[in-house]
Amino acid sequence: MAYFEDEIDIHLNPRIGRDWMLRGQQKLVVTPGQNRKRYLAGALAVDGHDLLIVQSERKNSDLFLALLEKLRLHHPGAPRIHLVLDNYGIHSSRRVQEFLRQHAGRFQLHFLPPYSPDHNKIERLWREVHANVTRNHRCTTIEDLMRRVLWHLRREACRRRGNRPINRRATRDAQVAA
């Protein structure tokens, strides 16, 4: 098993960017003022057919450890799980090192060179989330925004697996760990 791993920040204050609108009209983008954040950690299989996501209110070792545990449970029989990831500090914290020692040989971390996001395929998925969900969004609560983000990721996971749902409810019920 091999996965690309990375984290994404979701901000209640929308990312401002280009958008389509009728000629002569300007889209109103509301900023709630008090920015709230959520964080996702994701693992995208190298073949692109499997996507696992965990979320947290903080971007720390707990978030990464939750993803490692989800991967471990998702592949109980796998002798080794390879992760291609960046050099962010939470990936090599003491708590992560301890987890890796407890599960000796189960995980192999492959760190990318600094400043090389183009080599991590999950970065493309995060760009798509920002382009389709968080850019110029009009959500007034972080919970509503997270529902939209997770819905988009579930739909994407179904598409990648090749089992396209026929309605929104089926998409919502698709298995993406969130």
Protein backbone atom coordinates (compact mmCIF):
# COMPACT_ATOMS: atom_id res chain seq x y z
CA MET A 1 0.00 0.00 0.00
CA ALA A 2 1.32 3.44 -0.90
CA TYR A 3 -0.29 6.84 -0.31
CA PHE A 4 0.43 10.50 -0.80
CA GLU A 5 -0.25 12.40 2.45
CA ASP A 6 -0.81 16.07 3.20
CA GLU A 7 -2.88 18.49 5.24
CA ILE A 8 -5.19 21.31 4.18
CA ASP A 9 -6.39 24.37 6.09
CA ILE A 10 -10.05 25.33 5.71
CA HIS A 11 -10.79 28.96 6.64
CA LEU A 12 -14.23 30.44 7.23
CA ASN A 13 -13.02 33.66 5.65
CA PRO A 14 -13.23 32.79 1.95
CA ARG A 15 -10.31 32.66 -0.41
CA ILE A 16 -10.88 35.45 -2.87
CA GLY A 17 -10.34 34.64 -6.52
CA ARG A 18 -11.68 34.73 -10.04
CA ASP A 19 -15.28 33.70 -10.51
CA TRP A 20 -17.93 33.70 -13.21
CA MET A 21 -20.70 36.26 -13.04
CA LEU A 22 -23.08 37.95 -15.40
CA ARG A 23 -21.75 40.89 -17.38
CA GLY A 24 -22.20 44.11 -15.47
CA GLN A 25 -22.81 42.37 -12.14
CA GLN A 26 -20.40 41.78 -9.32
CA LYS A 27 -20.60 38.81 -6.99
CA LEU A 28 -20.82 39.71 -3.32
CA VAL A 29 -18.42 37.72 -1.16
CA VAL A 30 -19.26 37.95 2.53
CA THR A 31 -16.48 37.72 5.07
CA PRO A 32 -17.75 36.83 8.54
CA GLY A 33 -15.00 38.82 10.27
CA GLN A 34 -13.92 36.32 12.92
CA ASN A 35 -11.99 33.69 10.98
CA ARG A 36 -12.48 30.12 12.18
CA LYS A 37 -10.43 27.22 10.90
CA ARG A 38 -10.56 23.46 10.53
CA TYR A 39 -7.85 21.16 9.31
CA LEU A 40 -7.96 17.99 7.25
CA ALA A 41 -5.28 15.38 6.78
CA GLY A 42 -5.68 13.17 3.77
CA ALA A 43 -4.10 10.13 2.22
CA LEU A 44 -4.56 9.51 -1.50
CA ALA A 45 -3.54 6.09 -2.82
CA VAL A 46 -0.78 6.22 -5.41
CA ASP A 47 -3.16 4.64 -7.95
CA GLY A 48 -5.69 7.38 -7.10
CA HIS A 49 -8.51 4.98 -6.20
CA ASP A 50 -8.56 5.34 -2.43
CA LEU A 51 -8.93 8.49 -0.34
CA LEU A 52 -8.94 8.67 3.45
CA ILE A 53 -9.61 11.88 5.38
CA VAL A 54 -9.56 12.89 9.05
CA GLN A 55 -10.37 16.32 10.45
CA SER A 56 -9.51 18.33 13.52
CA GLU A 57 -9.78 21.79 15.03
CA ARG A 58 -6.00 21.90 15.41
CA LYS A 59 -3.17 21.15 13.01
CA ASN A 60 -0.86 19.15 15.23
CA SER A 61 0.51 15.66 15.76
CA ASP A 62 -2.91 14.40 16.85
CA LEU A 63 -4.25 15.08 13.35
CA PHE A 64 -1.45 13.13 11.69
CA LEU A 65 -1.68 10.31 14.25
CA ALA A 66 -5.42 10.02 13.60
CA LEU A 67 -4.67 9.56 9.91
CA LEU A 68 -2.00 6.93 10.61
CA GLU A 69 -4.44 5.04 12.81
CA LYS A 70 -7.15 5.26 10.16
CA LEU A 71 -4.72 3.88 7.58
CA ARG A 72 -3.70 1.08 9.95
CA LEU A 73 -7.35 0.08 10.50
CA HIS A 74 -8.20 0.48 6.80
CA HIS A 75 -5.46 -2.00 5.84
CA PRO A 76 -5.32 -4.52 8.71
CA GLY A 77 -3.52 -7.16 6.66
CA ALA A 78 -1.00 -4.92 4.95
CA PRO A 79 2.56 -5.73 6.01
CA ARG A 80 3.72 -2.18 5.23
CA ILE A 81 2.07 1.13 4.36
CA HIS A 82 4.22 3.64 2.48
CA LEU A 83 3.51 7.36 2.83
CA VAL A 84 4.95 10.04 0.56
CA LEU A 85 4.78 13.32 2.47
CA ASP A 86 6.35 16.71 3.02
CA ASN A 87 8.67 17.70 5.85
CA TYR A 88 6.07 19.45 8.00
CA GLY A 89 7.03 19.28 11.68
CA ILE A 90 4.08 17.15 12.83
CA HIS A 91 5.28 14.29 10.60
CA SER A 92 8.39 13.76 12.70
CA SER A 93 7.31 14.79 16.21
CA ARG A 94 8.20 12.68 19.25
CA ARG A 95 4.65 11.37 19.49
CA VAL A 96 4.70 10.28 15.84
CA GLN A 97 8.11 8.62 16.30
CA GLU A 98 6.70 6.73 19.30
CA PHE A 99 3.66 5.60 17.28
CA LEU A 100 5.95 4.39 14.50
CA ARG A 101 8.07 2.46 17.04
CA GLN A 102 4.93 0.84 18.49
CA HIS A 103 3.94 -0.29 15.00
CA ALA A 104 7.44 -1.31 14.01
CA GLY A 105 7.85 -1.77 10.30
CA ARG A 106 4.17 -1.12 9.55
CA PHE A 107 4.69 2.40 8.18
CA GLN A 108 7.44 3.66 5.91
CA LEU A 109 7.62 7.45 5.57
CA HIS A 110 9.18 8.85 2.39
CA PHE A 111 9.87 12.56 2.80
CA LEU A 112 9.82 14.79 -0.27
CA PRO A 113 12.48 17.44 -0.81
CA PRO A 114 11.56 20.89 0.54
CA TYR A 115 9.36 23.07 -1.67
CA SER A 116 8.20 20.30 -3.98
CA PRO A 117 4.39 20.23 -3.73
CA ASP A 118 4.11 19.24 -7.40
CA HIS A 119 5.46 15.80 -6.49
CA ASN A 120 2.63 15.14 -4.02
CA LYS A 121 -0.54 14.18 -5.93
CA ILE A 122 -2.89 15.02 -3.07
CA GLU A 123 -1.89 18.69 -3.45
CA ARG A 124 -3.88 18.67 -6.72
CA LEU A 125 -6.94 17.50 -4.82
CA TRP A 126 -6.50 20.29 -2.27
CA ARG A 127 -6.25 22.86 -5.10
CA GLU A 128 -9.50 21.47 -6.48
CA VAL A 129 -11.17 21.82 -3.06
CA HIS A 130 -10.11 25.45 -2.88
CA ALA A 131 -11.19 26.13 -6.47
CA ASN A 132 -14.59 24.45 -6.15
CA VAL A 133 -15.56 24.94 -2.51
CA THR A 134 -13.62 27.48 -0.48
CA ARG A 135 -12.94 30.18 -3.09
CA ASN A 136 -15.55 32.96 -2.85
CA HIS A 137 -17.83 30.75 -0.72
CA ARG A 138 -20.82 32.28 1.06
CA CYS A 139 -20.99 30.02 4.14
CA THR A 140 -21.64 31.82 7.40
CA THR A 141 -20.52 29.00 9.71
CA ILE A 142 -17.49 26.73 9.69
CA GLU A 143 -19.82 23.74 10.12
CA ASP A 144 -21.65 24.57 6.88
CA LEU A 145 -18.36 25.07 5.04
CA MET A 146 -17.00 21.75 6.36
CA ARG A 147 -20.17 19.96 5.23
CA ARG A 148 -19.56 21.31 1.72
CA VAL A 149 -15.87 20.41 1.76
CA LEU A 150 -16.56 16.87 3.00
CA TRP A 151 -19.39 16.42 0.48
CA HIS A 152 -17.02 17.45 -2.31
CA LEU A 153 -14.35 15.01 -1.07
CA ARG A 154 -16.85 12.16 -0.75
CA ARG A 155 -18.07 12.79 -4.29
CA GLU A 156 -14.47 12.85 -5.48
CA ALA A 157 -13.73 9.58 -3.64
CA CYS A 158 -16.69 7.91 -5.36
CA ARG A 159 -15.58 9.20 -8.74
CA ARG A 160 -12.06 7.91 -8.20
CA ARG A 161 -13.35 4.47 -7.24
CA GLY A 162 -15.53 4.40 -10.33
CA ASN A 163 -18.82 3.96 -8.43
CA ARG A 164 -20.61 7.16 -9.29
CA PRO A 165 -23.61 7.79 -7.05
CA ILE A 166 -26.86 8.68 -8.75
CA ASN A 167 -27.98 11.25 -6.19
CA ARG A 168 -26.68 13.51 -3.44
CA ARG A 169 -27.77 11.17 -0.63
CA ALA A 170 -25.78 8.32 -2.15
CA THR A 171 -22.81 10.66 -2.40
CA ARG A 172 -23.20 11.69 1.22
CA ASP A 173 -23.31 8.05 2.31
CA ALA A 174 -20.27 7.06 0.27
CA GLN A 175 -17.38 5.82 2.33
CA VAL A 176 -14.77 8.44 2.86
CA ALA A 177 -13.44 8.54 6.35
CA ALA A 178 -14.28 11.97 7.60
